[in-house]
Amino acid sequence: MLILAIDTSGQSGGITLAEANAGSFHVVETAAIAGGTFSAQLIPTLAALLKKHGYGVKDLDGFAAASGPGSFTGLRVGLSAIKGLAETLHKPIATVSVLEALASLADRDGKIAAAMDAGRKEVFLGLYEKSAGELSRQREELLTQQDFLATLSTGRPAVIITGDSALAELAAASHSAVVVVTSPGSEVVVRIGARKLLAGETVSVEALDANYLRRSDAEIFFKGTR
């Protein structure tokens, strides 16, 4: 099964091709896409990557989509590309939360808290239970920094994992173990996505949507003027 993963949730992004079946997983290659160029570079980068390894678009068997939270504009670009390809090729889609990808980097079982800086003194928080390497989601939410610390103190996760050093310092106040990692990209997304695709955990093209967790400024402004 040849899988394409796209992650355009952050300031920079990437695409990964991987081959997977029930007994094996292999990353073919990952190609980075610079921030601010997603809409212009995503499709040309994909075409070049496929050609380099002797594939065509019709060889793709499934898609793994980083669904957010993250950049509103970036997520729309990546998800729109996957929607177009999946609809044309009639291939399955697996969605992967960026918080889920972050939590997957934890090196221990138990309750895992994945945290991302959301700006505006807010935090994207995902709470997961990890057992035998498998993650089950409890919840994902947008919290103020104060509520973030209160949630950690109450829940006492086995580890708090984040890609942001300032957020790690804040989380340390909860007296839980805090681990700073390199923020996951499309290669982590494709690993999780491959498992979901093989297990039949897919979404339809119509149901594919971004996991923003926060409304856009336009939505907030519009509601405030009604």
N, C-alpha and C. Protein backbone atom coordinates (compact mmCIF):
# COMPACT_ATOMS: atom_id res chain seq x y z
N MET A 1 0.85 -1.18 0.00
CA MET A 1 0.00 0.00 0.00
C MET A 1 0.89 1.24 0.00
N LEU A 2 0.74 2.08 -1.01
CA LEU A 2 1.52 3.31 -1.09
C LEU A 2 0.68 4.44 -0.52
N ILE A 3 1.22 5.09 0.51
CA ILE A 3 0.47 6.11 1.25
C ILE A 3 1.15 7.45 1.12
N LEU A 4 0.35 8.49 0.93
CA LEU A 4 0.82 9.86 0.90
C LEU A 4 0.31 10.58 2.14
N ALA A 5 1.23 11.18 2.89
CA ALA A 5 0.85 12.01 4.04
C ALA A 5 1.19 13.45 3.75
N ILE A 6 0.29 14.35 4.13
CA ILE A 6 0.50 15.78 3.96
C ILE A 6 0.30 16.47 5.30
N ASP A 7 1.28 17.28 5.69
CA ASP A 7 1.17 18.07 6.92
C ASP A 7 1.49 19.52 6.59
N THR A 8 0.46 20.36 6.58
CA THR A 8 0.64 21.80 6.35
C THR A 8 0.04 22.58 7.51
N SER A 9 0.15 22.00 8.71
CA SER A 9 -0.48 22.60 9.88
C SER A 9 0.36 23.69 10.53
N GLY A 10 1.67 23.71 10.26
CA GLY A 10 2.55 24.63 10.95
C GLY A 10 3.16 25.69 10.06
N GLN A 11 4.20 26.34 10.58
CA GLN A 11 4.88 27.38 9.81
C GLN A 11 5.62 26.79 8.62
N SER A 12 6.09 25.58 8.74
CA SER A 12 6.65 24.84 7.62
C SER A 12 5.89 23.52 7.52
N GLY A 13 6.01 22.84 6.39
CA GLY A 13 5.24 21.62 6.20
C GLY A 13 6.03 20.58 5.46
N GLY A 14 5.35 19.50 5.08
CA GLY A 14 6.04 18.45 4.36
C GLY A 14 5.07 17.40 3.86
N ILE A 15 5.57 16.58 2.95
CA ILE A 15 4.84 15.43 2.46
C ILE A 15 5.74 14.21 2.57
N THR A 16 5.12 13.07 2.84
CA THR A 16 5.87 11.82 2.98
C THR A 16 5.19 10.72 2.19
N LEU A 17 5.99 9.97 1.45
CA LEU A 17 5.51 8.75 0.81
C LEU A 17 5.99 7.57 1.65
N ALA A 18 5.10 6.61 1.87
CA ALA A 18 5.48 5.42 2.63
C ALA A 18 4.78 4.20 2.05
N GLU A 19 5.41 3.05 2.20
CA GLU A 19 4.82 1.78 1.79
C GLU A 19 4.51 1.00 3.07
N ALA A 20 3.30 0.46 3.13
CA ALA A 20 2.90 -0.26 4.35
C ALA A 20 1.98 -1.41 4.01
N ASN A 21 2.10 -2.47 4.81
CA ASN A 21 1.13 -3.56 4.78
C ASN A 21 1.02 -4.10 6.20
N ALA A 22 0.31 -5.18 6.39
CA ALA A 22 0.06 -5.69 7.73
C ALA A 22 1.34 -6.05 8.48
N GLY A 23 2.41 -6.36 7.75
CA GLY A 23 3.62 -6.81 8.42
C GLY A 23 4.82 -5.89 8.31
N SER A 24 4.70 -4.79 7.56
CA SER A 24 5.87 -3.94 7.38
C SER A 24 5.46 -2.49 7.13
N PHE A 25 6.42 -1.61 7.38
CA PHE A 25 6.24 -0.18 7.14
C PHE A 25 7.58 0.39 6.70
N HIS A 26 7.56 1.19 5.65
CA HIS A 26 8.80 1.76 5.12
C HIS A 26 8.54 3.15 4.57
N VAL A 27 9.28 4.14 5.08
CA VAL A 27 9.19 5.49 4.54
C VAL A 27 10.02 5.56 3.26
N VAL A 28 9.39 5.94 2.18
CA VAL A 28 10.09 6.08 0.91
C VAL A 28 10.93 7.35 0.92
N GLU A 29 10.30 8.47 1.21
CA GLU A 29 11.03 9.74 1.32
C GLU A 29 10.09 10.82 1.86
N THR A 30 10.69 11.79 2.52
CA THR A 30 9.96 12.97 2.99
C THR A 30 10.52 14.20 2.30
N ALA A 31 9.65 15.09 1.85
CA ALA A 31 10.06 16.33 1.21
C ALA A 31 9.46 17.50 1.99
N ALA A 32 10.31 18.45 2.32
CA ALA A 32 9.85 19.62 3.08
C ALA A 32 9.26 20.66 2.14
N ILE A 33 8.33 21.45 2.69
CA ILE A 33 7.75 22.57 1.95
C ILE A 33 7.87 23.80 2.85
N ALA A 34 8.51 24.84 2.35
CA ALA A 34 8.75 26.04 3.15
C ALA A 34 7.44 26.75 3.48
N GLY A 35 7.40 27.34 4.66
CA GLY A 35 6.22 28.11 5.05
C GLY A 35 5.95 29.25 4.10
N GLY A 36 4.67 29.52 3.86
CA GLY A 36 4.29 30.59 2.95
C GLY A 36 4.24 30.17 1.50
N THR A 37 4.61 28.90 1.21
CA THR A 37 4.62 28.43 -0.18
C THR A 37 3.74 27.21 -0.39
N PHE A 38 2.92 26.87 0.61
CA PHE A 38 2.15 25.63 0.54
C PHE A 38 1.31 25.54 -0.74
N SER A 39 0.54 26.58 -1.01
CA SER A 39 -0.38 26.52 -2.15
C SER A 39 0.36 26.43 -3.48
N ALA A 40 1.53 27.04 -3.56
CA ALA A 40 2.29 27.05 -4.81
C ALA A 40 3.17 25.82 -4.97
N GLN A 41 3.67 25.27 -3.87
CA GLN A 41 4.70 24.23 -3.96
C GLN A 41 4.21 22.81 -3.64
N LEU A 42 3.05 22.66 -3.03
CA LEU A 42 2.63 21.33 -2.60
C LEU A 42 2.52 20.35 -3.77
N ILE A 43 1.75 20.68 -4.77
CA ILE A 43 1.54 19.77 -5.90
C ILE A 43 2.82 19.54 -6.71
N PRO A 44 3.60 20.59 -7.05
CA PRO A 44 4.86 20.34 -7.75
C PRO A 44 5.83 19.47 -6.94
N THR A 45 5.87 19.67 -5.62
CA THR A 45 6.74 18.85 -4.77
C THR A 45 6.29 17.40 -4.79
N LEU A 46 4.99 17.18 -4.72
CA LEU A 46 4.45 15.82 -4.78
C LEU A 46 4.77 15.17 -6.12
N ALA A 47 4.56 15.90 -7.20
CA ALA A 47 4.82 15.34 -8.53
C ALA A 47 6.28 14.94 -8.68
N ALA A 48 7.18 15.79 -8.19
CA ALA A 48 8.62 15.50 -8.29
C ALA A 48 8.99 14.29 -7.44
N LEU A 49 8.38 14.16 -6.26
CA LEU A 49 8.68 13.04 -5.37
C LEU A 49 8.20 11.72 -5.98
N LEU A 50 7.00 11.72 -6.53
CA LEU A 50 6.49 10.51 -7.18
C LEU A 50 7.37 10.11 -8.36
N LYS A 51 7.72 11.08 -9.18
CA LYS A 51 8.53 10.80 -10.37
C LYS A 51 9.90 10.26 -9.98
N LYS A 52 10.49 10.82 -8.94
CA LYS A 52 11.82 10.40 -8.49
C LYS A 52 11.85 8.91 -8.15
N HIS A 53 10.75 8.40 -7.60
CA HIS A 53 10.71 7.01 -7.16
C HIS A 53 9.94 6.10 -8.12
N GLY A 54 9.65 6.63 -9.30
CA GLY A 54 9.03 5.81 -10.34
C GLY A 54 7.54 5.56 -10.16
N TYR A 55 6.88 6.43 -9.43
CA TYR A 55 5.44 6.29 -9.21
C TYR A 55 4.68 7.36 -9.99
N GLY A 56 3.40 7.10 -10.18
CA GLY A 56 2.47 8.09 -10.69
C GLY A 56 1.39 8.31 -9.67
N VAL A 57 0.57 9.32 -9.86
CA VAL A 57 -0.50 9.62 -8.91
C VAL A 57 -1.42 8.42 -8.74
N LYS A 58 -1.67 7.69 -9.82
CA LYS A 58 -2.59 6.55 -9.76
C LYS A 58 -2.04 5.38 -8.95
N ASP A 59 -0.76 5.44 -8.58
CA ASP A 59 -0.19 4.38 -7.74
C ASP A 59 -0.52 4.58 -6.26
N LEU A 60 -1.01 5.75 -5.90
CA LEU A 60 -1.33 6.02 -4.49
C LEU A 60 -2.54 5.19 -4.06
N ASP A 61 -2.41 4.56 -2.88
CA ASP A 61 -3.47 3.69 -2.37
C ASP A 61 -4.25 4.29 -1.21
N GLY A 62 -3.72 5.35 -0.61
CA GLY A 62 -4.41 5.96 0.52
C GLY A 62 -3.70 7.23 0.96
N PHE A 63 -4.38 7.98 1.83
CA PHE A 63 -3.87 9.28 2.26
C PHE A 63 -3.95 9.42 3.77
N ALA A 64 -2.93 10.08 4.33
CA ALA A 64 -2.92 10.43 5.75
C ALA A 64 -2.86 11.94 5.85
N ALA A 65 -3.85 12.52 6.51
CA ALA A 65 -3.96 13.97 6.57
C ALA A 65 -3.74 14.49 7.98
N ALA A 66 -2.79 15.41 8.14
CA ALA A 66 -2.64 16.11 9.41
C ALA A 66 -3.80 17.09 9.50
N SER A 67 -4.71 16.87 10.45
CA SER A 67 -5.97 17.61 10.46
C SER A 67 -5.98 18.82 11.39
N GLY A 68 -4.89 19.04 12.13
CA GLY A 68 -4.83 20.19 13.02
C GLY A 68 -4.78 19.72 14.47
N PRO A 69 -4.76 20.66 15.40
CA PRO A 69 -4.88 22.11 15.21
C PRO A 69 -3.64 22.71 14.56
N GLY A 70 -3.81 23.95 14.08
CA GLY A 70 -2.71 24.62 13.43
C GLY A 70 -3.18 25.80 12.63
N SER A 71 -2.40 26.18 11.65
CA SER A 71 -2.68 27.33 10.80
C SER A 71 -3.97 27.11 10.00
N PHE A 72 -4.88 28.07 10.07
CA PHE A 72 -6.13 27.97 9.31
C PHE A 72 -5.84 27.84 7.83
N THR A 73 -5.01 28.74 7.31
CA THR A 73 -4.72 28.75 5.87
C THR A 73 -3.96 27.50 5.46
N GLY A 74 -2.93 27.13 6.23
CA GLY A 74 -2.13 25.97 5.89
C GLY A 74 -2.94 24.69 5.88
N LEU A 75 -3.78 24.50 6.89
CA LEU A 75 -4.60 23.29 6.94
C LEU A 75 -5.54 23.20 5.75
N ARG A 76 -6.12 24.31 5.36
CA ARG A 76 -7.03 24.30 4.21
C ARG A 76 -6.33 23.85 2.95
N VAL A 77 -5.08 24.30 2.76
CA VAL A 77 -4.32 23.93 1.56
C VAL A 77 -4.08 22.42 1.53
N GLY A 78 -3.58 21.88 2.63
CA GLY A 78 -3.26 20.45 2.67
C GLY A 78 -4.49 19.58 2.55
N LEU A 79 -5.55 19.92 3.27
CA LEU A 79 -6.75 19.10 3.24
C LEU A 79 -7.46 19.20 1.89
N SER A 80 -7.41 20.36 1.27
CA SER A 80 -8.02 20.50 -0.06
C SER A 80 -7.30 19.63 -1.08
N ALA A 81 -5.97 19.57 -0.98
CA ALA A 81 -5.20 18.72 -1.90
C ALA A 81 -5.57 17.26 -1.72
N ILE A 82 -5.67 16.81 -0.48
CA ILE A 82 -6.03 15.41 -0.23
C ILE A 82 -7.46 15.13 -0.68
N LYS A 83 -8.37 16.07 -0.43
CA LYS A 83 -9.75 15.88 -0.88
C LYS A 83 -9.81 15.68 -2.39
N GLY A 84 -9.10 16.54 -3.13
CA GLY A 84 -9.11 16.46 -4.58
C GLY A 84 -8.55 15.15 -5.09
N LEU A 85 -7.41 14.73 -4.53
CA LEU A 85 -6.78 13.48 -4.96
C LEU A 85 -7.62 12.26 -4.58
N ALA A 86 -8.13 12.24 -3.35
CA ALA A 86 -8.91 11.08 -2.89
C ALA A 86 -10.21 10.94 -3.66
N GLU A 87 -10.82 12.06 -3.98
CA GLU A 87 -12.08 12.01 -4.73
C GLU A 87 -11.84 11.52 -6.15
N THR A 88 -10.76 11.98 -6.76
CA THR A 88 -10.45 11.57 -8.13
C THR A 88 -10.05 10.10 -8.21
N LEU A 89 -9.25 9.66 -7.24
CA LEU A 89 -8.73 8.30 -7.26
C LEU A 89 -9.61 7.29 -6.53
N HIS A 90 -10.60 7.78 -5.78
CA HIS A 90 -11.48 6.91 -4.99
C HIS A 90 -10.67 6.07 -4.00
N LYS A 91 -9.80 6.77 -3.26
CA LYS A 91 -8.94 6.11 -2.28
C LYS A 91 -9.27 6.59 -0.87
N PRO A 92 -8.97 5.79 0.16
CA PRO A 92 -9.35 6.13 1.54
C PRO A 92 -8.45 7.20 2.16
N ILE A 93 -9.02 7.84 3.18
CA ILE A 93 -8.32 8.89 3.91
C ILE A 93 -8.33 8.57 5.40
N ALA A 94 -7.18 8.73 6.06
CA ALA A 94 -7.10 8.65 7.52
C ALA A 94 -6.66 10.01 8.03
N THR A 95 -7.33 10.50 9.06
CA THR A 95 -6.95 11.78 9.65
C THR A 95 -6.10 11.54 10.89
N VAL A 96 -5.13 12.44 11.08
CA VAL A 96 -4.23 12.35 12.24
C VAL A 96 -4.16 13.72 12.89
N SER A 97 -4.61 13.82 14.13
CA SER A 97 -4.50 15.06 14.87
C SER A 97 -3.02 15.36 15.12
N VAL A 98 -2.65 16.63 15.03
CA VAL A 98 -1.27 17.01 15.32
C VAL A 98 -0.94 16.72 16.78
N LEU A 99 -1.93 16.87 17.66
CA LEU A 99 -1.72 16.54 19.07
C LEU A 99 -1.51 15.04 19.25
N GLU A 100 -2.24 14.26 18.48
CA GLU A 100 -2.07 12.80 18.49
C GLU A 100 -0.66 12.42 18.03
N ALA A 101 -0.19 13.08 16.98
CA ALA A 101 1.17 12.82 16.48
C ALA A 101 2.20 13.17 17.54
N LEU A 102 1.97 14.26 18.24
CA LEU A 102 2.88 14.68 19.32
C LEU A 102 2.87 13.67 20.45
N ALA A 103 1.69 13.23 20.85
CA ALA A 103 1.57 12.26 21.95
C ALA A 103 2.23 10.93 21.60
N SER A 104 2.24 10.58 20.32
CA SER A 104 2.83 9.30 19.90
C SER A 104 4.33 9.25 20.15
N LEU A 105 4.96 10.40 20.36
CA LEU A 105 6.40 10.45 20.60
C LEU A 105 6.78 10.16 22.05
N ALA A 106 5.77 10.04 22.92
CA ALA A 106 6.06 9.70 24.31
C ALA A 106 6.64 8.30 24.40
N ASP A 107 7.64 8.13 25.26
CA ASP A 107 8.36 6.86 25.34
C ASP A 107 7.89 5.97 26.49
N ARG A 108 6.68 6.25 26.97
CA ARG A 108 6.17 5.43 28.08
C ARG A 108 4.65 5.30 27.97
N ASP A 109 4.11 4.29 28.65
CA ASP A 109 2.67 4.10 28.70
C ASP A 109 2.07 4.94 29.82
N GLY A 110 0.75 5.01 29.83
CA GLY A 110 0.05 5.79 30.85
C GLY A 110 -0.66 6.97 30.22
N LYS A 111 -1.07 7.91 31.07
CA LYS A 111 -1.77 9.10 30.58
C LYS A 111 -0.75 10.09 30.01
N ILE A 112 -0.94 10.46 28.76
CA ILE A 112 -0.02 11.35 28.06
C ILE A 112 -0.73 12.68 27.79
N ALA A 113 -0.08 13.78 28.12
CA ALA A 113 -0.59 15.11 27.81
C ALA A 113 0.28 15.72 26.72
N ALA A 114 -0.32 16.00 25.57
CA ALA A 114 0.39 16.64 24.46
C ALA A 114 -0.03 18.10 24.41
N ALA A 115 0.94 19.00 24.41
CA ALA A 115 0.62 20.42 24.51
C ALA A 115 1.31 21.23 23.41
N MET A 116 0.55 22.15 22.82
CA MET A 116 1.07 23.05 21.78
C MET A 116 0.70 24.49 22.14
N ASP A 117 1.64 25.39 21.89
CA ASP A 117 1.36 26.81 22.10
C ASP A 117 0.34 27.28 21.08
N ALA A 118 -0.77 27.85 21.56
CA ALA A 118 -1.82 28.33 20.68
C ALA A 118 -1.79 29.85 20.52
N GLY A 119 -0.79 30.51 21.14
CA GLY A 119 -0.75 31.96 21.10
C GLY A 119 -1.82 32.54 22.02
N ARG A 120 -1.81 33.86 22.18
CA ARG A 120 -2.82 34.56 22.98
C ARG A 120 -2.90 34.02 24.42
N LYS A 121 -1.77 33.52 24.92
CA LYS A 121 -1.70 32.92 26.25
C LYS A 121 -2.67 31.76 26.39
N GLU A 122 -2.78 30.97 25.31
CA GLU A 122 -3.64 29.79 25.31
C GLU A 122 -2.84 28.57 24.86
N VAL A 123 -3.39 27.40 25.15
CA VAL A 123 -2.68 26.14 24.90
C VAL A 123 -3.64 25.14 24.25
N PHE A 124 -3.16 24.49 23.19
CA PHE A 124 -3.87 23.33 22.65
C PHE A 124 -3.42 22.12 23.46
N LEU A 125 -4.37 21.42 24.07
CA LEU A 125 -4.03 20.29 24.92
C LEU A 125 -4.77 19.04 24.46
N GLY A 126 -4.03 17.95 24.31
CA GLY A 126 -4.62 16.65 24.01
C GLY A 126 -4.27 15.68 25.12
N LEU A 127 -5.26 14.99 25.65
CA LEU A 127 -5.03 13.99 26.69
C LEU A 127 -5.28 12.61 26.09
N TYR A 128 -4.32 11.73 26.26
CA TYR A 128 -4.38 10.39 25.68
C TYR A 128 -3.99 9.35 26.72
N GLU A 129 -4.43 8.13 26.50
CA GLU A 129 -3.97 6.99 27.27
C GLU A 129 -3.15 6.11 26.33
N LYS A 130 -1.93 5.80 26.72
CA LYS A 130 -1.06 4.97 25.90
C LYS A 130 -0.84 3.62 26.56
N SER A 131 -1.13 2.55 25.82
CA SER A 131 -0.95 1.20 26.34
C SER A 131 -0.41 0.31 25.24
N ALA A 132 0.72 -0.34 25.52
CA ALA A 132 1.38 -1.22 24.53
C ALA A 132 1.61 -0.50 23.21
N GLY A 133 1.96 0.77 23.32
CA GLY A 133 2.27 1.55 22.12
C GLY A 133 1.07 2.13 21.40
N GLU A 134 -0.15 1.81 21.84
CA GLU A 134 -1.36 2.28 21.18
C GLU A 134 -1.96 3.45 21.96
N LEU A 135 -2.39 4.49 21.23
CA LEU A 135 -2.98 5.67 21.85
C LEU A 135 -4.50 5.64 21.75
N SER A 136 -5.16 6.01 22.83
CA SER A 136 -6.60 6.24 22.79
C SER A 136 -6.84 7.66 23.30
N ARG A 137 -7.61 8.42 22.53
CA ARG A 137 -7.84 9.82 22.88
C ARG A 137 -8.90 9.97 23.95
N GLN A 138 -8.61 10.80 24.94
CA GLN A 138 -9.60 11.15 25.94
C GLN A 138 -10.30 12.45 25.54
N ARG A 139 -9.51 13.48 25.26
CA ARG A 139 -10.10 14.72 24.77
C ARG A 139 -9.01 15.65 24.24
N GLU A 140 -9.42 16.59 23.42
CA GLU A 140 -8.56 17.67 22.92
C GLU A 140 -9.31 18.97 23.11
N GLU A 141 -8.59 20.01 23.54
CA GLU A 141 -9.28 21.27 23.82
C GLU A 141 -8.32 22.44 23.79
N LEU A 142 -8.90 23.61 23.72
CA LEU A 142 -8.16 24.87 23.78
C LEU A 142 -8.37 25.45 25.17
N LEU A 143 -7.27 25.72 25.89
CA LEU A 143 -7.35 26.19 27.26
C LEU A 143 -6.53 27.45 27.47
N THR A 144 -6.94 28.26 28.46
CA THR A 144 -6.06 29.33 28.90
C THR A 144 -4.87 28.68 29.62
N GLN A 145 -3.79 29.42 29.75
CA GLN A 145 -2.64 28.86 30.45
C GLN A 145 -3.00 28.45 31.88
N GLN A 146 -3.85 29.25 32.53
CA GLN A 146 -4.26 28.94 33.90
C GLN A 146 -5.04 27.63 33.96
N ASP A 147 -5.99 27.46 33.04
CA ASP A 147 -6.78 26.23 33.01
C ASP A 147 -5.92 25.03 32.59
N PHE A 148 -4.93 25.27 31.74
CA PHE A 148 -3.99 24.23 31.34
C PHE A 148 -3.26 23.66 32.55
N LEU A 149 -2.74 24.54 33.40
CA LEU A 149 -2.03 24.10 34.59
C LEU A 149 -2.97 23.40 35.57
N ALA A 150 -4.20 23.89 35.67
CA ALA A 150 -5.17 23.26 36.56
C ALA A 150 -5.51 21.85 36.09
N THR A 151 -5.65 21.67 34.78
CA THR A 151 -5.96 20.36 34.21
C THR A 151 -4.81 19.38 34.47
N LEU A 152 -3.58 19.84 34.29
CA LEU A 152 -2.42 18.98 34.54
C LEU A 152 -2.33 18.58 36.01
N SER A 153 -2.58 19.53 36.90
CA SER A 153 -2.49 19.25 38.33
C SER A 153 -3.55 18.25 38.77
N THR A 154 -4.72 18.33 38.14
CA THR A 154 -5.81 17.42 38.50
C THR A 154 -5.60 16.03 37.90
N GLY A 155 -5.19 16.02 36.62
CA GLY A 155 -5.08 14.75 35.91
C GLY A 155 -3.81 13.97 36.17
N ARG A 156 -2.75 14.66 36.57
CA ARG A 156 -1.47 14.02 36.84
C ARG A 156 -1.03 13.06 35.74
N PRO A 157 -0.75 13.56 34.53
CA PRO A 157 -0.31 12.67 33.46
C PRO A 157 1.05 12.07 33.75
N ALA A 158 1.32 10.91 33.13
CA ALA A 158 2.62 10.26 33.29
C ALA A 158 3.71 11.13 32.69
N VAL A 159 3.38 11.83 31.62
CA VAL A 159 4.35 12.72 30.97
C VAL A 159 3.61 13.79 30.19
N ILE A 160 4.19 14.97 30.16
CA ILE A 160 3.70 16.07 29.33
C ILE A 160 4.70 16.23 28.20
N ILE A 161 4.23 16.15 26.97
CA ILE A 161 5.13 16.22 25.84
C ILE A 161 4.78 17.43 24.97
N THR A 162 5.80 18.19 24.58
CA THR A 162 5.58 19.41 23.83
C THR A 162 6.78 19.70 22.94
N GLY A 163 6.56 20.48 21.91
CA GLY A 163 7.64 20.90 21.05
C GLY A 163 8.09 22.32 21.34
N ASP A 164 7.55 22.92 22.40
CA ASP A 164 7.80 24.32 22.72
C ASP A 164 8.47 24.44 24.09
N SER A 165 9.68 24.99 24.13
CA SER A 165 10.43 25.05 25.39
C SER A 165 9.78 25.98 26.40
N ALA A 166 9.18 27.09 25.95
CA ALA A 166 8.52 28.01 26.88
C ALA A 166 7.31 27.34 27.52
N LEU A 167 6.59 26.57 26.73
CA LEU A 167 5.43 25.84 27.26
C LEU A 167 5.88 24.75 28.22
N ALA A 168 7.04 24.16 27.96
CA ALA A 168 7.59 23.15 28.86
C ALA A 168 7.90 23.76 30.22
N GLU A 169 8.43 24.96 30.22
CA GLU A 169 8.73 25.64 31.48
C GLU A 169 7.45 25.90 32.26
N LEU A 170 6.41 26.32 31.54
CA LEU A 170 5.13 26.56 32.19
C LEU A 170 4.57 25.26 32.76
N ALA A 171 4.63 24.19 31.99
CA ALA A 171 4.07 22.90 32.41
C ALA A 171 4.81 22.33 33.60
N ALA A 172 6.09 22.68 33.75
CA ALA A 172 6.89 22.15 34.85
C ALA A 172 6.30 22.52 36.21
N ALA A 173 5.49 23.58 36.25
CA ALA A 173 4.86 24.01 37.50
C ALA A 173 3.88 22.97 38.02
N SER A 174 3.45 22.04 37.17
CA SER A 174 2.50 21.01 37.59
C SER A 174 3.19 19.84 38.30
N HIS A 175 4.54 19.87 38.30
CA HIS A 175 5.36 18.83 38.93
C HIS A 175 5.23 17.47 38.26
N SER A 176 4.79 17.45 37.01
CA SER A 176 4.78 16.22 36.21
C SER A 176 6.04 16.20 35.35
N ALA A 177 6.37 15.02 34.84
CA ALA A 177 7.51 14.90 33.94
C ALA A 177 7.19 15.62 32.64
N VAL A 178 8.13 16.44 32.17
CA VAL A 178 7.94 17.21 30.95
C VAL A 178 9.05 16.85 29.97
N VAL A 179 8.68 16.55 28.73
CA VAL A 179 9.65 16.19 27.70
C VAL A 179 9.47 17.12 26.51
N VAL A 180 10.57 17.73 26.06
CA VAL A 180 10.54 18.59 24.88
C VAL A 180 11.07 17.80 23.69
N VAL A 181 10.31 17.76 22.61
CA VAL A 181 10.70 17.00 21.43
C VAL A 181 10.65 17.91 20.20
N THR A 182 11.24 17.46 19.13
CA THR A 182 11.06 18.14 17.86
C THR A 182 9.63 17.93 17.40
N SER A 183 8.96 19.00 17.03
CA SER A 183 7.55 18.89 16.64
C SER A 183 7.39 17.89 15.50
N PRO A 184 6.41 17.00 15.60
CA PRO A 184 6.24 15.97 14.57
C PRO A 184 5.82 16.56 13.24
N GLY A 185 6.20 15.90 12.16
CA GLY A 185 5.82 16.32 10.82
C GLY A 185 5.13 15.22 10.06
N SER A 186 5.22 15.27 8.75
CA SER A 186 4.48 14.32 7.91
C SER A 186 4.96 12.88 8.07
N GLU A 187 6.21 12.67 8.50
CA GLU A 187 6.69 11.30 8.67
C GLU A 187 6.00 10.62 9.85
N VAL A 188 5.77 11.37 10.93
CA VAL A 188 5.02 10.81 12.06
C VAL A 188 3.56 10.62 11.67
N VAL A 189 3.02 11.58 10.92
CA VAL A 189 1.63 11.50 10.47
C VAL A 189 1.42 10.24 9.62
N VAL A 190 2.35 9.93 8.74
CA VAL A 190 2.17 8.77 7.87
C VAL A 190 2.27 7.46 8.64
N ARG A 191 3.06 7.42 9.70
CA ARG A 191 3.15 6.20 10.50
C ARG A 191 1.82 5.91 11.19
N ILE A 192 1.22 6.94 11.77
CA ILE A 192 -0.07 6.76 12.43
C ILE A 192 -1.16 6.51 11.39
N GLY A 193 -1.10 7.29 10.30
CA GLY A 193 -2.09 7.14 9.25
C GLY A 193 -2.09 5.77 8.61
N ALA A 194 -0.91 5.18 8.44
CA ALA A 194 -0.81 3.84 7.84
C ALA A 194 -1.53 2.81 8.71
N ARG A 195 -1.33 2.91 10.02
CA ARG A 195 -2.01 1.98 10.93
C ARG A 195 -3.53 2.12 10.81
N LYS A 196 -4.00 3.36 10.75
CA LYS A 196 -5.44 3.60 10.65
C LYS A 196 -6.00 3.10 9.32
N LEU A 197 -5.28 3.35 8.25
CA LEU A 197 -5.75 2.91 6.94
C LEU A 197 -5.86 1.38 6.89
N LEU A 198 -4.86 0.71 7.41
CA LEU A 198 -4.87 -0.75 7.40
C LEU A 198 -5.95 -1.32 8.31
N ALA A 199 -6.33 -0.55 9.34
CA ALA A 199 -7.38 -1.00 10.26
C ALA A 199 -8.77 -0.57 9.80
N GLY A 200 -8.82 0.18 8.69
CA GLY A 200 -10.11 0.63 8.18
C GLY A 200 -10.67 1.83 8.91
N GLU A 201 -9.82 2.54 9.67
CA GLU A 201 -10.26 3.74 10.40
C GLU A 201 -10.13 4.95 9.47
N THR A 202 -11.09 5.13 8.61
CA THR A 202 -11.01 6.15 7.56
C THR A 202 -12.20 7.09 7.61
N VAL A 203 -12.08 8.21 6.89
CA VAL A 203 -13.18 9.16 6.74
C VAL A 203 -13.44 9.36 5.26
N SER A 204 -14.66 9.75 4.94
CA SER A 204 -15.01 10.02 3.55
C SER A 204 -14.48 11.39 3.14
N VAL A 205 -14.43 11.63 1.84
CA VAL A 205 -14.01 12.93 1.34
C VAL A 205 -14.92 14.01 1.90
N GLU A 206 -16.23 13.74 1.95
CA GLU A 206 -17.20 14.72 2.44
C GLU A 206 -17.00 15.04 3.92
N ALA A 207 -16.57 14.04 4.69
CA ALA A 207 -16.43 14.21 6.14
C ALA A 207 -15.07 14.78 6.54
N LEU A 208 -14.12 14.82 5.62
CA LEU A 208 -12.78 15.32 5.94
C LEU A 208 -12.85 16.80 6.28
N ASP A 209 -12.37 17.16 7.46
CA ASP A 209 -12.41 18.56 7.89
C ASP A 209 -11.25 18.82 8.84
N ALA A 210 -10.95 20.10 9.01
CA ALA A 210 -9.86 20.49 9.88
C ALA A 210 -10.28 20.45 11.35
N ASN A 211 -9.34 20.10 12.19
CA ASN A 211 -9.53 20.06 13.64
C ASN A 211 -8.91 21.34 14.22
N TYR A 212 -9.63 22.45 14.03
CA TYR A 212 -9.04 23.74 14.41
C TYR A 212 -8.96 23.94 15.92
N LEU A 213 -9.96 23.45 16.66
CA LEU A 213 -10.14 23.68 18.09
C LEU A 213 -10.44 25.14 18.43
N ARG A 214 -10.05 26.06 17.58
CA ARG A 214 -10.32 27.48 17.81
C ARG A 214 -11.02 28.05 16.58
N ARG A 215 -12.01 28.90 16.79
CA ARG A 215 -12.66 29.57 15.67
C ARG A 215 -11.72 30.62 15.08
N SER A 216 -11.89 30.90 13.81
CA SER A 216 -11.08 31.92 13.16
C SER A 216 -11.47 33.31 13.65
N ASP A 217 -10.58 34.28 13.48
CA ASP A 217 -10.89 35.66 13.85
C ASP A 217 -12.12 36.16 13.10
N ALA A 218 -12.27 35.74 11.85
CA ALA A 218 -13.42 36.18 11.05
C ALA A 218 -14.72 35.70 11.67
N GLU A 219 -14.74 34.45 12.15
CA GLU A 219 -15.95 33.91 12.77
C GLU A 219 -16.26 34.64 14.07
N ILE A 220 -15.22 34.91 14.87
CA ILE A 220 -15.41 35.61 16.14
C ILE A 220 -15.94 37.01 15.88
N PHE A 221 -15.35 37.71 14.91
CA PHE A 221 -15.75 39.07 14.60
C PHE A 221 -17.18 39.11 14.09
N PHE A 222 -17.53 38.16 13.21
CA PHE A 222 -18.86 38.12 12.61
C PHE A 222 -19.92 37.90 13.69
N LYS A 223 -19.64 36.98 14.62
CA LYS A 223 -20.60 36.68 15.67
C LYS A 223 -20.78 37.90 16.56
N GLY A 224 -19.69 38.64 16.78
CA GLY A 224 -19.76 39.79 17.67
C GLY A 224 -20.52 40.97 17.06
N THR A 225 -20.71 40.96 15.75
CA THR A 225 -21.39 42.07 15.11
C THR A 225 -22.85 41.78 14.85
N ARG A 226 -23.30 40.56 15.19
CA ARG A 226 -24.71 40.22 14.94
C ARG A 226 -25.61 40.71 16.06
